[in-house]
């Protein structure tokens, strides 16, 4: 199955609790950390929710 790499580029400080929990669910706990996730609708929804804090790495 296809995968997608996501990198946290902005701090979670000051973000609402639901966005912090989304980052935790994705495995992003620190700045500049990159995780590789399955490319499906669920993960794309998580990325969309915190799109101002993360970027997709090619």
N, C-alpha and C. Protein backbone atom coordinates (compact mmCIF):
# COMPACT_ATOMS: atom_id res chain seq x y z
N UNK A 1 0.84 -1.18 0.00
CA UNK A 1 0.00 0.00 0.00
C UNK A 1 0.89 1.25 0.00
N UNK A 2 0.38 2.31 -0.56
CA UNK A 2 1.14 3.56 -0.65
C UNK A 2 1.32 4.20 0.72
N UNK A 3 2.42 4.92 0.86
CA UNK A 3 2.69 5.61 2.11
C UNK A 3 2.90 7.09 1.84
N UNK A 4 2.81 7.87 2.90
CA UNK A 4 2.99 9.31 2.80
C UNK A 4 3.85 9.75 3.98
N UNK A 5 4.82 10.63 3.75
CA UNK A 5 5.69 11.12 4.82
C UNK A 5 5.21 12.50 5.25
N UNK A 6 5.07 12.67 6.56
CA UNK A 6 4.57 13.92 7.12
C UNK A 6 5.59 14.45 8.12
N UNK A 7 5.86 15.75 8.05
CA UNK A 7 6.84 16.39 8.93
C UNK A 7 6.16 17.52 9.69
N UNK A 8 6.39 17.58 11.00
CA UNK A 8 5.87 18.68 11.81
C UNK A 8 6.82 19.87 11.66
N UNK A 9 6.29 21.00 11.19
CA UNK A 9 7.13 22.16 10.92
C UNK A 9 6.87 23.33 11.87
N UNK A 10 5.76 23.29 12.60
CA UNK A 10 5.45 24.35 13.56
C UNK A 10 5.15 23.74 14.91
N UNK A 11 5.32 24.53 15.95
CA UNK A 11 5.14 24.07 17.31
C UNK A 11 3.67 23.83 17.63
N UNK A 12 3.44 22.87 18.51
CA UNK A 12 2.08 22.56 18.95
C UNK A 12 1.66 23.43 20.12
N UNK A 13 2.57 24.26 20.62
CA UNK A 13 2.25 25.15 21.74
C UNK A 13 1.17 26.14 21.29
N UNK A 14 0.12 26.23 22.06
CA UNK A 14 -0.98 27.14 21.74
C UNK A 14 -2.05 26.53 20.86
N UNK A 15 -1.83 25.33 20.38
CA UNK A 15 -2.84 24.67 19.55
C UNK A 15 -3.93 24.09 20.44
N UNK A 16 -5.16 23.99 19.93
CA UNK A 16 -6.24 23.38 20.71
C UNK A 16 -5.96 21.91 21.02
N UNK A 17 -6.62 21.39 22.06
CA UNK A 17 -6.38 20.02 22.49
C UNK A 17 -6.65 19.00 21.40
N UNK A 18 -7.69 19.22 20.59
CA UNK A 18 -8.00 18.24 19.55
C UNK A 18 -6.91 18.16 18.50
N UNK A 19 -6.26 19.29 18.21
CA UNK A 19 -5.16 19.27 17.25
C UNK A 19 -3.93 18.60 17.85
N UNK A 20 -3.68 18.81 19.14
CA UNK A 20 -2.57 18.14 19.81
C UNK A 20 -2.79 16.63 19.81
N UNK A 21 -4.02 16.20 20.05
CA UNK A 21 -4.32 14.76 20.03
C UNK A 21 -4.17 14.19 18.64
N UNK A 22 -4.50 14.97 17.61
CA UNK A 22 -4.32 14.52 16.23
C UNK A 22 -2.83 14.32 15.94
N UNK A 23 -2.00 15.25 16.37
CA UNK A 23 -0.55 15.11 16.17
C UNK A 23 -0.04 13.87 16.90
N UNK A 24 -0.52 13.63 18.13
CA UNK A 24 -0.12 12.44 18.88
C UNK A 24 -0.52 11.17 18.15
N UNK A 25 -1.73 11.16 17.59
CA UNK A 25 -2.21 9.98 16.87
C UNK A 25 -1.38 9.71 15.62
N UNK A 26 -0.83 10.76 15.05
CA UNK A 26 0.00 10.61 13.86
C UNK A 26 1.44 10.24 14.23
N UNK A 27 1.80 10.34 15.52
CA UNK A 27 3.15 10.02 15.95
C UNK A 27 4.10 11.20 15.92
N UNK A 28 3.56 12.40 15.81
CA UNK A 28 4.38 13.61 15.76
C UNK A 28 4.38 14.25 17.15
N UNK A 29 5.50 14.14 17.84
CA UNK A 29 5.58 14.67 19.20
C UNK A 29 6.58 15.80 19.34
N UNK A 30 7.45 15.98 18.35
CA UNK A 30 8.46 17.04 18.41
C UNK A 30 8.57 17.72 17.05
N UNK A 31 9.14 18.91 17.07
CA UNK A 31 9.37 19.65 15.84
C UNK A 31 10.33 18.91 14.92
N UNK A 32 10.15 19.04 13.63
CA UNK A 32 11.00 18.48 12.58
C UNK A 32 11.05 16.96 12.58
N UNK A 33 10.13 16.32 13.25
CA UNK A 33 10.06 14.86 13.22
C UNK A 33 9.27 14.43 12.00
N UNK A 34 9.75 13.40 11.31
CA UNK A 34 9.10 12.88 10.11
C UNK A 34 8.58 11.49 10.41
N UNK A 35 7.32 11.23 10.04
CA UNK A 35 6.73 9.91 10.19
C UNK A 35 6.19 9.47 8.84
N UNK A 36 6.18 8.16 8.64
CA UNK A 36 5.67 7.59 7.41
C UNK A 36 4.37 6.87 7.74
N UNK A 37 3.28 7.31 7.11
CA UNK A 37 1.95 6.78 7.39
C UNK A 37 1.34 6.22 6.12
N UNK A 38 0.35 5.35 6.28
CA UNK A 38 -0.35 4.82 5.13
C UNK A 38 -1.16 5.94 4.48
N UNK A 39 -1.21 5.91 3.16
CA UNK A 39 -1.93 6.95 2.41
C UNK A 39 -3.37 6.50 2.24
N UNK A 40 -4.23 6.91 3.20
CA UNK A 40 -5.65 6.59 3.09
C UNK A 40 -6.47 7.81 3.51
N UNK A 41 -7.78 7.70 3.43
CA UNK A 41 -8.65 8.84 3.71
C UNK A 41 -8.55 9.31 5.16
N UNK A 42 -8.37 8.38 6.08
CA UNK A 42 -8.28 8.72 7.50
C UNK A 42 -7.06 9.60 7.76
N UNK A 43 -5.92 9.21 7.25
CA UNK A 43 -4.69 9.97 7.45
C UNK A 43 -4.77 11.31 6.74
N UNK A 44 -5.36 11.33 5.56
CA UNK A 44 -5.50 12.60 4.83
C UNK A 44 -6.39 13.58 5.60
N UNK A 45 -7.40 13.06 6.29
CA UNK A 45 -8.24 13.91 7.14
C UNK A 45 -7.47 14.47 8.31
N UNK A 46 -6.60 13.65 8.90
CA UNK A 46 -5.77 14.13 10.00
C UNK A 46 -4.82 15.23 9.53
N UNK A 47 -4.23 15.03 8.36
CA UNK A 47 -3.32 16.04 7.80
C UNK A 47 -4.09 17.34 7.54
N UNK A 48 -5.30 17.23 7.02
CA UNK A 48 -6.10 18.41 6.73
C UNK A 48 -6.42 19.18 8.00
N UNK A 49 -6.63 18.46 9.11
CA UNK A 49 -6.98 19.11 10.37
C UNK A 49 -5.82 19.94 10.93
N UNK A 50 -4.60 19.49 10.73
CA UNK A 50 -3.43 20.18 11.28
C UNK A 50 -2.50 20.67 10.17
N UNK A 51 -3.07 21.05 9.04
CA UNK A 51 -2.27 21.42 7.86
C UNK A 51 -1.40 22.64 8.10
N UNK A 52 -1.73 23.48 9.09
CA UNK A 52 -0.92 24.65 9.39
C UNK A 52 0.28 24.29 10.26
N UNK A 53 0.34 23.06 10.78
CA UNK A 53 1.44 22.63 11.63
C UNK A 53 2.36 21.63 10.96
N UNK A 54 1.90 21.01 9.88
CA UNK A 54 2.67 19.94 9.23
C UNK A 54 2.85 20.23 7.75
N UNK A 55 3.76 19.47 7.15
CA UNK A 55 3.95 19.50 5.70
C UNK A 55 4.16 18.08 5.22
N UNK A 56 3.80 17.83 3.97
CA UNK A 56 4.00 16.52 3.37
C UNK A 56 5.35 16.51 2.67
N UNK A 57 6.20 15.55 3.02
CA UNK A 57 7.53 15.44 2.46
C UNK A 57 7.49 14.46 1.29
N UNK A 58 8.10 14.83 0.20
CA UNK A 58 8.11 13.95 -0.98
C UNK A 58 9.16 12.88 -0.84
